[in-house]
Amino acid sequence: MKLRQILCLTLGLIFWSSPSGATSEIEQVRTNPAYAVTLRTQLNEIRNGKSEFGPDCALDYLEKKAQKYGILNEIQHRFISKMIGSPKKSDEEIFLEFGYDLNPVNTPIAKINDKLFLSSVIQAENFDLLKALGITHILNLTGYKHGTSELRYPPKFRNDFEYAHLVIADEDDPVTMLTFRSNFFEAGNDFIHQALMSRHSSRVLVHCEAGISRSSTLVISHLMSVWNLSVKEAFETVKNLKANIAPNQAFFRQLLELESWIVNTRGLDMILPSYPIHDYLVDQMLEGPAAGFLREAVETAIVRAKYDPNQAMAYLFEAY
């Protein structure tokens, strides 16, 4: 909101109601809190695009009136600064303030939508950043220290944020995969749903250790479940915001199973799978260790390796 627009609206409240005699109106503005409430309401409507008010409101005339009665500075400071407060910084401005690149290729934290964020544990343990972004709920997907039952990154600010902690190993564990949808997708999405339903101002941060596999998988599943997006649509949505996401093969297969379940239970018209595991693994390899190889060579190698990317890389180097 530009200062001149706020000024225009404020002065309009004073003078439009009584064009012929402003003195009593000025006094009322100074003493009547209702004017501040009205101003705040109209400003919120403008911010939310619900008001047709614009800058074309005889601004020069109103400024002259304000100057005549000696209240121009008072309106600027008393009503804008004290009654309304400083304009809230955008999330993008906050990211830059904390030194985070807005380029999806480099950013370690991504704003998925106005209510949902994705990051690594580093951002999830930055108290000032969390508060600046208005985060209220944190979904922690980090695991145990190797060979122990001790959490690597337990919730750090329990008195300040509402937490849920789902421990999922970032590996292809057959036992874990048997209950993956109920223990991970459903539990995680229930937490996000309940958080966003609890109050209008709720904002949720989902994080794992690196913000690459576990947390991105959960966020993708959320977009699929809430918006009926295909795996490919949800994956590309998140990747366009945080380019380094890469659900591991086991997690991606679970996303494909979730896609099939959603389509079948909701009767959606969708070709399955939207993003075959073959295509996904080839794309991941071409973006990473197999960059520079021909796609056809990578496709041949991944099939020969029975979809083991490490073995596929060995075949590629063996051939060249």
C-alpha atoms as a PDB file:
ATOM      1  CA  MET A   1       0.000   0.000   0.000  1.00  0.00           C
ATOM      2  CA  LYS A   2       1.550   3.293  -1.055  1.00  0.00           C
ATOM      3  CA  LEU A   3       1.612   6.115   1.495  1.00  0.00           C
ATOM      4  CA  ARG A   4      -0.304   8.441  -0.792  1.00  0.00           C
ATOM      5  CA  GLN A   5      -3.123   5.899  -1.115  1.00  0.00           C
ATOM      6  CA  ILE A   6      -3.319   5.429   2.661  1.00  0.00           C
ATOM      7  CA  LEU A   7      -3.240   9.186   3.071  1.00  0.00           C
ATOM      8  CA  CYS A   8      -5.994   9.584   0.530  1.00  0.00           C
ATOM      9  CA  LEU A   9      -8.232   7.082   2.317  1.00  0.00           C
ATOM     10  CA  THR A  10      -7.553   8.596   5.736  1.00  0.00           C
ATOM     11  CA  LEU A  11      -8.261  12.119   4.625  1.00  0.00           C
ATOM     12  CA  GLY A  12     -11.335  10.910   2.794  1.00  0.00           C
ATOM     13  CA  LEU A  13     -12.721   9.560   6.060  1.00  0.00           C
ATOM     14  CA  ILE A  14     -12.254  12.994   7.578  1.00  0.00           C
ATOM     15  CA  PHE A  15     -13.507  15.283   4.846  1.00  0.00           C
ATOM     16  CA  TRP A  16     -15.981  13.375   2.703  1.00  0.00           C
ATOM     17  CA  SER A  17     -18.426  12.966   5.557  1.00  0.00           C
ATOM     18  CA  SER A  18     -18.579  16.743   6.093  1.00  0.00           C
ATOM     19  CA  PRO A  19     -17.260  18.722   3.127  1.00  0.00           C
ATOM     20  CA  SER A  20     -18.258  22.117   4.464  1.00  0.00           C
ATOM     21  CA  GLY A  21     -16.788  22.032   7.934  1.00  0.00           C
ATOM     22  CA  ALA A  22     -13.758  19.944   8.711  1.00  0.00           C
ATOM     23  CA  THR A  23     -12.925  21.198  12.204  1.00  0.00           C
ATOM     24  CA  SER A  24     -15.425  18.986  14.070  1.00  0.00           C
ATOM     25  CA  GLU A  25     -14.471  16.023  11.894  1.00  0.00           C
ATOM     26  CA  ILE A  26     -10.804  16.542  12.709  1.00  0.00           C
ATOM     27  CA  GLU A  27     -11.583  16.533  16.402  1.00  0.00           C
ATOM     28  CA  GLN A  28     -13.661  13.396  16.005  1.00  0.00           C
ATOM     29  CA  VAL A  29     -10.816  11.637  14.226  1.00  0.00           C
ATOM     30  CA  ARG A  30      -8.476  12.574  17.034  1.00  0.00           C
ATOM     31  CA  THR A  31     -10.769  11.335  19.787  1.00  0.00           C
ATOM     32  CA  ASN A  32     -12.913   8.581  18.226  1.00  0.00           C
ATOM     33  CA  PRO A  33     -11.246   5.126  17.954  1.00  0.00           C
ATOM     34  CA  ALA A  34     -13.996   4.004  15.575  1.00  0.00           C
ATOM     35  CA  TYR A  35     -12.335   5.973  12.820  1.00  0.00           C
ATOM     36  CA  ALA A  36      -9.160   3.957  13.276  1.00  0.00           C
ATOM     37  CA  VAL A  37     -11.182   0.732  13.130  1.00  0.00           C
ATOM     38  CA  THR A  38     -12.894   1.889   9.949  1.00  0.00           C
ATOM     39  CA  LEU A  39      -9.564   2.822   8.431  1.00  0.00           C
ATOM     40  CA  ARG A  40      -8.005  -0.518   9.315  1.00  0.00           C
ATOM     41  CA  THR A  41     -10.981  -2.402   7.848  1.00  0.00           C
ATOM     42  CA  GLN A  42     -10.863  -0.478   4.591  1.00  0.00           C
ATOM     43  CA  LEU A  43      -7.109  -0.904   4.338  1.00  0.00           C
ATOM     44  CA  ASN A  44      -7.480  -4.666   4.756  1.00  0.00           C
ATOM     45  CA  GLU A  45     -10.098  -4.689   2.021  1.00  0.00           C
ATOM     46  CA  ILE A  46      -7.700  -2.863  -0.257  1.00  0.00           C
ATOM     47  CA  ARG A  47      -4.863  -5.255   0.565  1.00  0.00           C
ATOM     48  CA  ASN A  48      -7.093  -8.240  -0.151  1.00  0.00           C
ATOM     49  CA  GLY A  49      -8.370  -6.796  -3.423  1.00  0.00           C
ATOM     50  CA  LYS A  50     -11.920  -6.428  -2.118  1.00  0.00           C
ATOM     51  CA  SER A  51     -12.160  -2.659  -2.486  1.00  0.00           C
ATOM     52  CA  GLU A  52     -12.380  -0.561  -5.625  1.00  0.00           C
ATOM     53  CA  PHE A  53     -10.704   2.346  -3.845  1.00  0.00           C
ATOM     54  CA  GLY A  54      -7.789   3.754  -5.795  1.00  0.00           C
ATOM     55  CA  PRO A  55      -5.511   6.784  -5.849  1.00  0.00           C
ATOM     56  CA  ASP A  56      -7.863   8.945  -7.941  1.00  0.00           C
ATOM     57  CA  CYS A  57      -9.661  10.717  -5.083  1.00  0.00           C
ATOM     58  CA  ALA A  58      -8.943  14.428  -5.399  1.00  0.00           C
ATOM     59  CA  LEU A  59      -5.721  13.838  -3.496  1.00  0.00           C
ATOM     60  CA  ASP A  60      -4.382  17.345  -4.044  1.00  0.00           C
ATOM     61  CA  TYR A  61      -7.550  18.886  -2.619  1.00  0.00           C
ATOM     62  CA  LEU A  62      -7.447  16.672   0.440  1.00  0.00           C
ATOM     63  CA  GLU A  63      -3.742  17.293   1.057  1.00  0.00           C
ATOM     64  CA  LYS A  64      -4.349  21.033   0.949  1.00  0.00           C
ATOM     65  CA  LYS A  65      -7.204  20.662   3.428  1.00  0.00           C
ATOM     66  CA  ALA A  66      -4.979  18.656   5.745  1.00  0.00           C
ATOM     67  CA  GLN A  67      -2.211  21.185   5.526  1.00  0.00           C
ATOM     68  CA  LYS A  68      -4.676  24.011   6.190  1.00  0.00           C
ATOM     69  CA  TYR A  69      -5.831  22.429   9.432  1.00  0.00           C
ATOM     70  CA  GLY A  70      -2.293  21.375  10.383  1.00  0.00           C
ATOM     71  CA  ILE A  71      -2.988  17.651  10.597  1.00  0.00           C
ATOM     72  CA  LEU A  72      -1.067  16.265   7.617  1.00  0.00           C
ATOM     73  CA  ASN A  73       1.790  14.941   9.721  1.00  0.00           C
ATOM     74  CA  GLU A  74      -0.593  13.753  12.405  1.00  0.00           C
ATOM     75  CA  ILE A  75      -2.514  11.653   9.870  1.00  0.00           C
ATOM     76  CA  GLN A  76       0.678  10.208   8.484  1.00  0.00           C
ATOM     77  CA  HIS A  77       2.086   9.230  11.857  1.00  0.00           C
ATOM     78  CA  ARG A  78      -0.826   8.870  14.259  1.00  0.00           C
ATOM     79  CA  PHE A  79      -3.144   6.890  12.003  1.00  0.00           C
ATOM     80  CA  ILE A  80      -0.687   5.059   9.791  1.00  0.00           C
ATOM     81  CA  SER A  81       2.086   4.226  12.265  1.00  0.00           C
ATOM     82  CA  LYS A  82       0.265   3.972  15.578  1.00  0.00           C
ATOM     83  CA  MET A  83      -3.144   2.706  14.576  1.00  0.00           C
ATOM     84  CA  ILE A  84      -2.148   0.421  11.703  1.00  0.00           C
ATOM     85  CA  GLY A  85       1.501  -0.350  12.305  1.00  0.00           C
ATOM     86  CA  SER A  86       4.263  -0.810   9.783  1.00  0.00           C
ATOM     87  CA  PRO A  87       3.363  -2.687   6.594  1.00  0.00           C
ATOM     88  CA  LYS A  88       4.063  -6.409   6.929  1.00  0.00           C
ATOM     89  CA  LYS A  89       7.050  -7.671   5.010  1.00  0.00           C
ATOM     90  CA  SER A  90       6.384 -10.171   2.257  1.00  0.00           C
ATOM     91  CA  ASP A  91       7.691 -13.701   2.627  1.00  0.00           C
ATOM     92  CA  GLU A  92      10.089 -13.026  -0.230  1.00  0.00           C
ATOM     93  CA  GLU A  93      11.487  -9.991   1.588  1.00  0.00           C
ATOM     94  CA  ILE A  94      11.933 -12.118   4.703  1.00  0.00           C
ATOM     95  CA  PHE A  95      13.775 -14.810   2.729  1.00  0.00           C
ATOM     96  CA  LEU A  96      16.182 -12.193   1.375  1.00  0.00           C
ATOM     97  CA  GLU A  97      16.605 -10.614   4.802  1.00  0.00           C
ATOM     98  CA  PHE A  98      17.765 -13.973   6.164  1.00  0.00           C
ATOM     99  CA  GLY A  99      20.115 -14.478   3.235  1.00  0.00           C
ATOM    100  CA  TYR A 100      18.102 -17.030   1.260  1.00  0.00           C
ATOM    101  CA  ASP A 101      18.148 -16.959  -2.526  1.00  0.00           C
ATOM    102  CA  LEU A 102      14.753 -16.642  -4.212  1.00  0.00           C
ATOM    103  CA  ASN A 103      16.011 -18.703  -7.158  1.00  0.00           C
ATOM    104  CA  PRO A 104      14.438 -22.201  -6.874  1.00  0.00           C
ATOM    105  CA  VAL A 105      17.776 -23.714  -7.918  1.00  0.00           C
ATOM    106  CA  ASN A 106      19.511 -22.382  -4.814  1.00  0.00           C
ATOM    107  CA  THR A 107      16.871 -21.918  -2.145  1.00  0.00           C
ATOM    108  CA  PRO A 108      16.886 -24.233   0.907  1.00  0.00           C
ATOM    109  CA  ILE A 109      13.374 -23.125   1.858  1.00  0.00           C
ATOM    110  CA  ALA A 110      10.334 -22.860  -0.384  1.00  0.00           C
ATOM    111  CA  LYS A 111       6.908 -21.320  -0.014  1.00  0.00           C
ATOM    112  CA  ILE A 112       4.570 -23.905  -1.546  1.00  0.00           C
ATOM    113  CA  ASN A 113       1.519 -21.744  -1.029  1.00  0.00           C
ATOM    114  CA  ASP A 114       0.473 -19.069   1.440  1.00  0.00           C
ATOM    115  CA  LYS A 115       0.037 -21.639   4.219  1.00  0.00           C
ATOM    116  CA  LEU A 116       2.666 -24.291   3.522  1.00  0.00           C
ATOM    117  CA  PHE A 117       6.476 -24.189   3.526  1.00  0.00           C
ATOM    118  CA  LEU A 118       9.172 -26.786   2.852  1.00  0.00           C
ATOM    119  CA  SER A 119      12.742 -26.697   4.174  1.00  0.00           C
ATOM    120  CA  SER A 120      15.706 -28.496   5.670  1.00  0.00           C
ATOM    121  CA  VAL A 121      16.282 -28.792   9.411  1.00  0.00           C
ATOM    122  CA  ILE A 122      18.559 -25.728   9.373  1.00  0.00           C
ATOM    123  CA  GLN A 123      15.678 -23.375   8.609  1.00  0.00           C
ATOM    124  CA  ALA A 124      13.374 -25.315  10.952  1.00  0.00           C
ATOM    125  CA  GLU A 125      15.745 -24.515  13.832  1.00  0.00           C
ATOM    126  CA  ASN A 126      16.021 -20.802  13.045  1.00  0.00           C
ATOM    127  CA  PHE A 127      13.647 -19.284  15.585  1.00  0.00           C
ATOM    128  CA  ASP A 128      13.772 -15.744  14.200  1.00  0.00           C
ATOM    129  CA  LEU A 129      13.009 -16.972  10.670  1.00  0.00           C
ATOM    130  CA  LEU A 130      10.070 -19.076  11.856  1.00  0.00           C
ATOM    131  CA  LYS A 131       8.582 -16.138  13.750  1.00  0.00           C
ATOM    132  CA  ALA A 132       9.153 -13.711  10.893  1.00  0.00           C
ATOM    133  CA  LEU A 133       7.279 -16.032   8.506  1.00  0.00           C
ATOM    134  CA  GLY A 134       4.430 -16.518  10.982  1.00  0.00           C
ATOM    135  CA  ILE A 135       4.942 -20.283  11.215  1.00  0.00           C
ATOM    136  CA  THR A 136       2.603 -21.813  13.801  1.00  0.00           C
ATOM    137  CA  HIS A 137       2.981 -25.575  13.162  1.00  0.00           C
ATOM    138  CA  ILE A 138       6.022 -27.698  12.296  1.00  0.00           C
ATOM    139  CA  LEU A 139       5.975 -31.205  10.839  1.00  0.00           C
ATOM    140  CA  ASN A 140       9.349 -32.816  11.631  1.00  0.00           C
ATOM    141  CA  LEU A 141      10.277 -35.849   9.501  1.00  0.00           C
ATOM    142  CA  THR A 142      13.844 -36.398  10.688  1.00  0.00           C
ATOM    143  CA  GLY A 143      14.920 -39.801  11.995  1.00  0.00           C
ATOM    144  CA  TYR A 144      17.061 -41.429  14.679  1.00  0.00           C
ATOM    145  CA  LYS A 145      20.788 -41.258  15.171  1.00  0.00           C
ATOM    146  CA  HIS A 146      22.396 -44.233  13.463  1.00  0.00           C
ATOM    147  CA  GLY A 147      21.990 -47.447  15.447  1.00  0.00           C
ATOM    148  CA  THR A 148      20.077 -45.790  18.294  1.00  0.00           C
ATOM    149  CA  SER A 149      16.563 -44.777  19.282  1.00  0.00           C
ATOM    150  CA  GLU A 150      17.713 -41.220  19.967  1.00  0.00           C
ATOM    151  CA  LEU A 151      16.242 -38.564  17.700  1.00  0.00           C
ATOM    152  CA  ARG A 152      18.754 -36.690  15.567  1.00  0.00           C
ATOM    153  CA  TYR A 153      16.725 -33.486  15.586  1.00  0.00           C
ATOM    154  CA  PRO A 154      13.995 -33.456  18.242  1.00  0.00           C
ATOM    155  CA  PRO A 155      11.520 -30.544  18.196  1.00  0.00           C
ATOM    156  CA  LYS A 156      13.487 -27.521  19.373  1.00  0.00           C
ATOM    157  CA  PHE A 157      10.882 -24.908  20.281  1.00  0.00           C
ATOM    158  CA  ARG A 158       8.020 -26.845  21.853  1.00  0.00           C
ATOM    159  CA  ASN A 159       6.785 -23.856  23.827  1.00  0.00           C
ATOM    160  CA  ASP A 160       6.483 -21.682  20.743  1.00  0.00           C
ATOM    161  CA  PHE A 161       5.160 -23.928  17.953  1.00  0.00           C
ATOM    162  CA  GLU A 162       2.894 -26.944  17.636  1.00  0.00           C
ATOM    163  CA  TYR A 163       4.850 -29.999  16.471  1.00  0.00           C
ATOM    164  CA  ALA A 164       4.254 -33.399  14.981  1.00  0.00           C
ATOM    165  CA  HIS A 165       7.219 -35.744  14.552  1.00  0.00           C
ATOM    166  CA  LEU A 166       6.950 -38.673  12.149  1.00  0.00           C
ATOM    167  CA  VAL A 167      10.056 -40.857  12.076  1.00  0.00           C
ATOM    168  CA  ILE A 168      10.499 -42.309   8.599  1.00  0.00           C
ATOM    169  CA  ALA A 169      13.779 -43.861   7.500  1.00  0.00           C
ATOM    170  CA  ASP A 170      15.066 -42.317   4.271  1.00  0.00           C
ATOM    171  CA  GLU A 171      15.648 -45.731   2.718  1.00  0.00           C
ATOM    172  CA  ASP A 172      13.839 -48.641   1.071  1.00  0.00           C
ATOM    173  CA  ASP A 173      12.797 -50.594   4.150  1.00  0.00           C
ATOM    174  CA  PRO A 174      10.180 -53.291   3.276  1.00  0.00           C
ATOM    175  CA  VAL A 175       8.610 -53.163   6.744  1.00  0.00           C
ATOM    176  CA  THR A 176       8.277 -49.377   6.620  1.00  0.00           C
ATOM    177  CA  MET A 177       6.784 -49.496   3.120  1.00  0.00           C
ATOM    178  CA  LEU A 178       3.966 -51.824   4.251  1.00  0.00           C
ATOM    179  CA  THR A 179       2.396 -49.073   6.372  1.00  0.00           C
ATOM    180  CA  PHE A 180       3.808 -46.082   4.527  1.00  0.00           C
ATOM    181  CA  ARG A 181       0.500 -44.573   3.437  1.00  0.00           C
ATOM    182  CA  SER A 182      -1.155 -44.763   6.839  1.00  0.00           C
ATOM    183  CA  ASN A 183       1.896 -43.928   8.960  1.00  0.00           C
ATOM    184  CA  PHE A 184       3.312 -41.230   6.715  1.00  0.00           C
ATOM    185  CA  PHE A 185       0.908 -39.836   4.132  1.00  0.00           C
ATOM    186  CA  GLU A 186      -2.255 -39.990   6.218  1.00  0.00           C
ATOM    187  CA  ALA A 187      -0.681 -38.985   9.533  1.00  0.00           C
ATOM    188  CA  GLY A 188       1.294 -36.149   7.949  1.00  0.00           C
ATOM    189  CA  ASN A 189      -1.603 -34.783   5.949  1.00  0.00           C
ATOM    190  CA  ASP A 190      -3.937 -35.048   8.938  1.00  0.00           C
ATOM    191  CA  PHE A 191      -1.541 -32.850  10.907  1.00  0.00           C
ATOM    192  CA  ILE A 192      -1.390 -30.273   8.115  1.00  0.00           C
ATOM    193  CA  HIS A 193      -5.173 -30.314   7.702  1.00  0.00           C
ATOM    194  CA  GLN A 194      -5.857 -29.929  11.419  1.00  0.00           C
ATOM    195  CA  ALA A 195      -3.280 -27.159  11.678  1.00  0.00           C
ATOM    196  CA  LEU A 196      -4.812 -25.146   8.861  1.00  0.00           C
ATOM    197  CA  MET A 197      -8.328 -25.702  10.204  1.00  0.00           C
ATOM    198  CA  SER A 198      -7.406 -24.628  13.734  1.00  0.00           C
ATOM    199  CA  ARG A 199      -7.187 -20.935  12.913  1.00  0.00           C
ATOM    200  CA  HIS A 200      -7.048 -18.705   9.863  1.00  0.00           C
ATOM    201  CA  SER A 201      -3.506 -17.490  10.581  1.00  0.00           C
ATOM    202  CA  SER A 202      -1.963 -20.971  10.768  1.00  0.00           C
ATOM    203  CA  ARG A 203       1.129 -21.647   8.646  1.00  0.00           C
ATOM    204  CA  VAL A 204       2.859 -25.015   8.468  1.00  0.00           C
ATOM    205  CA  LEU A 205       6.521 -25.838   7.852  1.00  0.00           C
ATOM    206  CA  VAL A 206       7.348 -29.385   6.707  1.00  0.00           C
ATOM    207  CA  HIS A 207      10.986 -30.396   7.024  1.00  0.00           C
ATOM    208  CA  CYS A 208      13.313 -33.371   7.112  1.00  0.00           C
ATOM    209  CA  GLU A 209      17.086 -33.251   7.426  1.00  0.00           C
ATOM    210  CA  ALA A 210      17.974 -31.942   3.966  1.00  0.00           C
ATOM    211  CA  GLY A 211      14.553 -30.934   2.624  1.00  0.00           C
ATOM    212  CA  ILE A 212      15.089 -33.136  -0.422  1.00  0.00           C
ATOM    213  CA  SER A 213      13.423 -36.544  -0.092  1.00  0.00           C
ATOM    214  CA  ARG A 214      11.182 -37.191   2.925  1.00  0.00           C
ATOM    215  CA  SER A 215       9.698 -33.726   3.329  1.00  0.00           C
ATOM    216  CA  SER A 216       9.237 -33.179  -0.410  1.00  0.00           C
ATOM    217  CA  THR A 217       7.476 -36.558  -0.665  1.00  0.00           C
ATOM    218  CA  LEU A 218       5.027 -35.559   2.074  1.00  0.00           C
ATOM    219  CA  VAL A 219       4.344 -32.151   0.506  1.00  0.00           C
ATOM    220  CA  ILE A 220       3.764 -33.765  -2.903  1.00  0.00           C
ATOM    221  CA  SER A 221       1.317 -36.213  -1.316  1.00  0.00           C
ATOM    222  CA  HIS A 222      -0.496 -33.285   0.313  1.00  0.00           C
ATOM    223  CA  LEU A 223      -0.989 -31.514  -3.020  1.00  0.00           C
ATOM    224  CA  MET A 224      -2.206 -34.762  -4.555  1.00  0.00           C
ATOM    225  CA  SER A 225      -4.653 -35.434  -1.735  1.00  0.00           C
ATOM    226  CA  VAL A 226      -6.058 -31.924  -1.429  1.00  0.00           C
ATOM    227  CA  TRP A 227      -6.101 -30.801  -5.064  1.00  0.00           C
ATOM    228  CA  ASN A 228      -6.441 -34.174  -6.853  1.00  0.00           C
ATOM    229  CA  LEU A 229      -3.180 -33.502  -8.670  1.00  0.00           C
ATOM    230  CA  SER A 230      -1.358 -36.289 -10.440  1.00  0.00           C
ATOM    231  CA  VAL A 231       2.092 -37.336  -9.233  1.00  0.00           C
ATOM    232  CA  LYS A 232       3.651 -35.511 -12.157  1.00  0.00           C
ATOM    233  CA  GLU A 233       1.682 -32.299 -11.587  1.00  0.00           C
ATOM    234  CA  ALA A 234       2.395 -32.235  -7.845  1.00  0.00           C
ATOM    235  CA  PHE A 235       6.063 -33.128  -8.309  1.00  0.00           C
ATOM    236  CA  GLU A 236       6.591 -30.404 -10.913  1.00  0.00           C
ATOM    237  CA  THR A 237       4.744 -27.858  -8.752  1.00  0.00           C
ATOM    238  CA  VAL A 238       7.127 -28.430  -5.842  1.00  0.00           C
ATOM    239  CA  LYS A 239      10.224 -28.771  -8.011  1.00  0.00           C
ATOM    240  CA  ASN A 240       9.523 -25.431  -9.680  1.00  0.00           C
ATOM    241  CA  LEU A 241       9.703 -23.867  -6.213  1.00  0.00           C
ATOM    242  CA  LYS A 242      12.600 -25.902  -4.795  1.00  0.00           C
ATOM    243  CA  ALA A 243      14.656 -27.417  -7.579  1.00  0.00           C
ATOM    244  CA  ASN A 244      16.732 -29.861  -5.520  1.00  0.00           C
ATOM    245  CA  ILE A 245      13.852 -32.063  -4.356  1.00  0.00           C
ATOM    246  CA  ALA A 246      14.360 -35.749  -5.141  1.00  0.00           C
ATOM    247  CA  PRO A 247      12.145 -38.344  -3.452  1.00  0.00           C
ATOM    248  CA  ASN A 248      14.062 -41.604  -3.322  1.00  0.00           C
ATOM    249  CA  GLN A 249      12.850 -44.488  -5.442  1.00  0.00           C
ATOM    250  CA  ALA A 250      10.946 -46.190  -2.624  1.00  0.00           C
ATOM    251  CA  PHE A 251       9.135 -42.972  -1.714  1.00  0.00           C
ATOM    252  CA  PHE A 252       8.310 -42.226  -5.342  1.00  0.00           C
ATOM    253  CA  ARG A 253       6.798 -45.679  -5.779  1.00  0.00           C
ATOM    254  CA  GLN A 254       4.614 -44.925  -2.764  1.00  0.00           C
ATOM    255  CA  LEU A 255       3.493 -41.693  -4.425  1.00  0.00           C
ATOM    256  CA  LEU A 256       2.496 -43.703  -7.485  1.00  0.00           C
ATOM    257  CA  GLU A 257       0.503 -46.073  -5.274  1.00  0.00           C
ATOM    258  CA  LEU A 258      -1.167 -43.082  -3.640  1.00  0.00           C
ATOM    259  CA  GLU A 259      -2.007 -41.713  -7.087  1.00  0.00           C
ATOM    260  CA  SER A 260      -3.648 -44.989  -8.055  1.00  0.00           C
ATOM    261  CA  TRP A 261      -5.593 -45.090  -4.788  1.00  0.00           C
ATOM    262  CA  ILE A 262      -6.838 -41.498  -5.190  1.00  0.00           C
ATOM    263  CA  VAL A 263      -7.918 -42.062  -8.791  1.00  0.00           C
ATOM    264  CA  ASN A 264      -9.749 -45.294  -7.982  1.00  0.00           C
ATOM    265  CA  THR A 265     -11.473 -44.097  -4.801  1.00  0.00           C
ATOM    266  CA  ARG A 266     -12.456 -40.686  -6.167  1.00  0.00           C
ATOM    267  CA  GLY A 267     -13.318 -41.782  -9.689  1.00  0.00           C
ATOM    268  CA  LEU A 268     -10.907 -39.366 -11.347  1.00  0.00           C
ATOM    269  CA  ASP A 269     -10.281 -39.379 -15.083  1.00  0.00           C
ATOM    270  CA  MET A 270      -6.514 -39.783 -15.170  1.00  0.00           C
ATOM    271  CA  ILE A 271      -4.062 -41.937 -17.106  1.00  0.00           C
ATOM    272  CA  LEU A 272      -1.987 -44.039 -14.713  1.00  0.00           C
ATOM    273  CA  PRO A 273       0.782 -43.752 -13.905  1.00  0.00           C
ATOM    274  CA  SER A 274       1.187 -40.071 -14.720  1.00  0.00           C
ATOM    275  CA  TYR A 275       4.951 -40.279 -14.190  1.00  0.00           C
ATOM    276  CA  PRO A 276       6.258 -43.866 -14.615  1.00  0.00           C
ATOM    277  CA  ILE A 277       9.114 -44.878 -12.335  1.00  0.00           C
ATOM    278  CA  HIS A 278      11.260 -45.524 -15.420  1.00  0.00           C
ATOM    279  CA  ASP A 279      10.874 -41.924 -16.620  1.00  0.00           C
ATOM    280  CA  TYR A 280      11.367 -40.503 -13.133  1.00  0.00           C
ATOM    281  CA  LEU A 281      14.639 -42.370 -12.525  1.00  0.00           C
ATOM    282  CA  VAL A 282      15.997 -41.482 -15.946  1.00  0.00           C
ATOM    283  CA  ASP A 283      15.162 -37.803 -15.395  1.00  0.00           C
ATOM    284  CA  GLN A 284      16.812 -37.844 -11.958  1.00  0.00           C
ATOM    285  CA  MET A 285      19.956 -39.454 -13.324  1.00  0.00           C
ATOM    286  CA  LEU A 286      20.200 -37.014 -16.229  1.00  0.00           C
ATOM    287  CA  GLU A 287      19.911 -34.108 -13.790  1.00  0.00           C
ATOM    288  CA  GLY A 288      22.530 -35.635 -11.495  1.00  0.00           C
ATOM    289  CA  PRO A 289      25.256 -38.247 -11.933  1.00  0.00           C
ATOM    290  CA  ALA A 290      24.437 -39.069 -15.560  1.00  0.00           C
ATOM    291  CA  ALA A 291      24.394 -35.453 -16.760  1.00  0.00           C
ATOM    292  CA  GLY A 292      26.027 -35.352 -20.178  1.00  0.00           C
ATOM    293  CA  PHE A 293      25.038 -38.888 -21.190  1.00  0.00           C
ATOM    294  CA  LEU A 294      22.485 -39.459 -23.937  1.00  0.00           C
ATOM    295  CA  ARG A 295      18.970 -40.183 -22.663  1.00  0.00           C
ATOM    296  CA  GLU A 296      18.798 -43.356 -24.718  1.00  0.00           C
ATOM    297  CA  ALA A 297      21.976 -44.649 -23.057  1.00  0.00           C
ATOM    298  CA  VAL A 298      20.623 -43.887 -19.582  1.00  0.00           C
ATOM    299  CA  GLU A 299      17.310 -45.591 -20.373  1.00  0.00           C
ATOM    300  CA  THR A 300      19.130 -48.714 -21.546  1.00  0.00           C
ATOM    301  CA  ALA A 301      21.355 -48.737 -18.470  1.00  0.00           C
ATOM    302  CA  ILE A 302      18.530 -48.307 -15.942  1.00  0.00           C
ATOM    303  CA  VAL A 303      16.539 -51.177 -17.468  1.00  0.00           C
ATOM    304  CA  ARG A 304      19.622 -53.413 -17.578  1.00  0.00           C
ATOM    305  CA  ALA A 305      20.311 -52.547 -13.930  1.00  0.00           C
ATOM    306  CA  LYS A 306      16.725 -53.428 -12.983  1.00  0.00           C
ATOM    307  CA  TYR A 307      16.133 -49.850 -11.842  1.00  0.00           C
ATOM    308  CA  ASP A 308      19.150 -49.657  -9.548  1.00  0.00           C
ATOM    309  CA  PRO A 309      20.606 -46.188 -10.298  1.00  0.00           C
ATOM    310  CA  ASN A 310      24.028 -47.026  -8.848  1.00  0.00           C
ATOM    311  CA  GLN A 311      24.363 -50.125 -10.989  1.00  0.00           C
ATOM    312  CA  ALA A 312      23.066 -48.192 -13.984  1.00  0.00           C
ATOM    313  CA  MET A 313      25.866 -45.664 -13.531  1.00  0.00           C
ATOM    314  CA  ALA A 314      28.400 -48.482 -13.478  1.00  0.00           C
ATOM    315  CA  TYR A 315      27.017 -49.768 -16.786  1.00  0.00           C
ATOM    316  CA  LEU A 316      27.198 -46.283 -18.292  1.00  0.00           C
ATOM    317  CA  PHE A 317      30.852 -45.810 -17.408  1.00  0.00           C
ATOM    318  CA  GLU A 318      31.598 -49.337 -18.477  1.00  0.00           C
ATOM    319  CA  ALA A 319      30.174 -48.597 -21.946  1.00  0.00           C
ATOM    320  CA  TYR A 320      32.062 -45.341 -22.315  1.00  0.00           C
END
